[in-house]
């Protein structure tokens, strides 16, 4: 039984299933190329529904400084969706933004971390 558990974990890592929810596939970490202070940063979150049921999601940024478009979406069975993420960089150095992915059938949201570095 332990071998089957390890095999499942290896399979999830190999196929890119990095979230807590095995019905969805998306990156847990998005690394953005170096930015310049006071520039806008734009990136994309790619979500894949691995199940045979539609998945409804709310995309909730940790702070008002980050925008996710769309904020709500439905991913068809075995379908894919993209969410555009944008925010302004106000200081130099390393930065981190967090998005919460909330499914209506999950108690706790899952998280996606966006990391980067801003230069003056």
Protein backbone atom coordinates (compact mmCIF):
# COMPACT_ATOMS: atom_id res chain seq x y z
CA UNK A 1 0.00 0.00 0.00
CA UNK A 2 2.88 2.39 0.76
CA UNK A 3 4.31 1.73 -2.70
CA UNK A 4 1.00 2.73 -4.33
CA UNK A 5 0.99 5.99 -2.37
CA UNK A 6 4.51 6.84 -3.50
CA UNK A 7 3.62 5.92 -7.08
CA UNK A 8 0.69 8.36 -6.97
CA UNK A 9 2.92 11.16 -5.65
CA UNK A 10 5.55 10.50 -8.31
CA UNK A 11 2.84 10.51 -11.00
CA UNK A 12 1.40 13.81 -9.75
CA UNK A 13 4.81 15.47 -9.74
CA UNK A 14 5.71 14.09 -13.18
CA UNK A 15 2.47 15.27 -14.80
CA UNK A 16 2.65 18.75 -13.23
CA UNK A 17 -0.17 18.30 -10.73
CA UNK A 18 1.26 20.63 -8.15
CA UNK A 19 -1.88 21.88 -6.40
CA UNK A 20 -3.56 20.17 -3.44
CA UNK A 21 -6.55 19.41 -5.65
CA UNK A 22 -5.88 16.50 -8.02
CA UNK A 23 -8.82 17.53 -10.26
CA UNK A 24 -6.93 20.70 -11.22
CA UNK A 25 -3.47 21.17 -12.65
CA UNK A 26 -1.69 24.53 -12.27
CA UNK A 27 1.66 25.83 -11.08
CA UNK A 28 2.02 26.50 -7.34
CA UNK A 29 4.85 28.95 -8.09
CA UNK A 30 5.15 31.43 -10.95
CA UNK A 31 8.54 33.11 -11.30
CA UNK A 32 8.51 36.43 -13.14
CA UNK A 33 11.53 37.78 -15.00
CA UNK A 34 13.35 40.74 -13.46
CA UNK A 35 11.25 43.89 -13.41
CA UNK A 36 11.91 47.60 -13.01
CA UNK A 37 10.46 49.58 -10.10
CA UNK A 38 7.21 51.39 -11.01
CA UNK A 39 6.61 49.14 -14.01
CA UNK A 40 3.57 46.90 -14.30
CA UNK A 41 4.13 43.17 -14.18
CA UNK A 42 1.97 40.85 -16.28
CA UNK A 43 1.91 37.07 -16.13
CA UNK A 44 -0.52 34.24 -16.80
CA UNK A 45 -1.85 31.45 -14.60
CA UNK A 46 -2.74 28.36 -16.66
CA UNK A 47 -5.34 26.03 -15.18
CA UNK A 48 -6.29 22.58 -16.45
CA UNK A 49 -9.32 20.58 -15.34
CA UNK A 50 -8.31 16.93 -15.18
CA UNK A 51 -11.75 15.72 -14.07
CA UNK A 52 -14.93 14.84 -15.95
CA UNK A 53 -16.92 17.53 -14.09
CA UNK A 54 -16.85 21.31 -14.60
CA UNK A 55 -14.85 23.24 -12.00
CA UNK A 56 -15.98 26.68 -10.82
CA UNK A 57 -13.24 28.87 -9.35
CA UNK A 58 -12.87 32.23 -7.69
CA UNK A 59 -9.42 33.78 -8.16
CA UNK A 60 -8.78 35.97 -5.12
CA UNK A 61 -5.60 38.10 -4.89
CA UNK A 62 -4.15 38.49 -1.40
CA UNK A 63 -4.19 42.29 -1.72
CA UNK A 64 -5.89 45.03 -3.74
CA UNK A 65 -2.57 45.72 -5.46
CA UNK A 66 -2.95 42.60 -7.64
CA UNK A 67 -5.55 42.08 -10.35
CA UNK A 68 -6.75 38.73 -11.71
CA UNK A 69 -8.81 38.61 -14.91
CA UNK A 70 -11.21 36.91 -14.88
CA UNK A 71 -11.95 36.84 -11.14
CA UNK A 72 -14.35 33.91 -11.55
CA UNK A 73 -14.34 31.16 -14.14
CA UNK A 74 -15.62 27.73 -15.00
CA UNK A 75 -13.25 25.20 -16.54
CA UNK A 76 -15.04 22.59 -18.64
CA UNK A 77 -14.24 18.90 -18.08
CA UNK A 78 -10.72 18.20 -19.38
CA UNK A 79 -10.57 21.87 -20.44
CA UNK A 80 -8.03 24.63 -19.94
CA UNK A 81 -8.30 28.31 -18.95
CA UNK A 82 -5.88 31.19 -18.54
CA UNK A 83 -6.04 33.93 -15.91
CA UNK A 84 -4.19 37.17 -16.56
CA UNK A 85 -2.39 38.53 -13.50
CA UNK A 86 -1.10 42.09 -13.25
CA UNK A 87 0.33 44.32 -10.53
CA UNK A 88 2.58 47.34 -10.04
CA UNK A 89 6.05 47.15 -8.50
CA UNK A 90 6.63 50.01 -6.02
CA UNK A 91 10.00 49.12 -4.51
CA UNK A 92 13.22 47.41 -5.47
CA UNK A 93 14.21 43.95 -4.34
CA UNK A 94 12.46 40.61 -4.15
CA UNK A 95 8.67 40.60 -4.17
CA UNK A 96 5.92 38.05 -3.74
CA UNK A 97 2.21 38.10 -4.59
CA UNK A 98 -0.27 35.41 -3.54
CA UNK A 99 -3.44 34.27 -5.28
CA UNK A 100 -6.08 32.10 -3.65
CA UNK A 101 -7.97 29.60 -5.81
CA UNK A 102 -11.31 28.86 -4.17
CA UNK A 103 -13.56 26.08 -5.45
CA UNK A 104 -17.11 26.05 -4.22
CA UNK A 105 -16.72 22.45 -3.06
CA UNK A 106 -13.49 23.05 -1.09
CA UNK A 107 -13.30 24.38 2.47
CA UNK A 108 -9.82 25.90 2.14
CA UNK A 109 -8.52 27.73 -0.91
CA UNK A 110 -5.34 26.63 -2.60
CA UNK A 111 -2.55 29.14 -3.22
CA UNK A 112 -0.37 30.23 -6.10
CA UNK A 113 2.72 32.31 -5.32
CA UNK A 114 4.14 34.79 -7.82
CA UNK A 115 7.77 35.73 -7.16
CA UNK A 116 10.17 38.11 -8.84
CA UNK A 117 12.81 40.76 -8.39
CA UNK A 118 12.56 44.47 -9.17
CA UNK A 119 15.54 46.69 -9.97
CA UNK A 120 15.75 50.48 -9.81
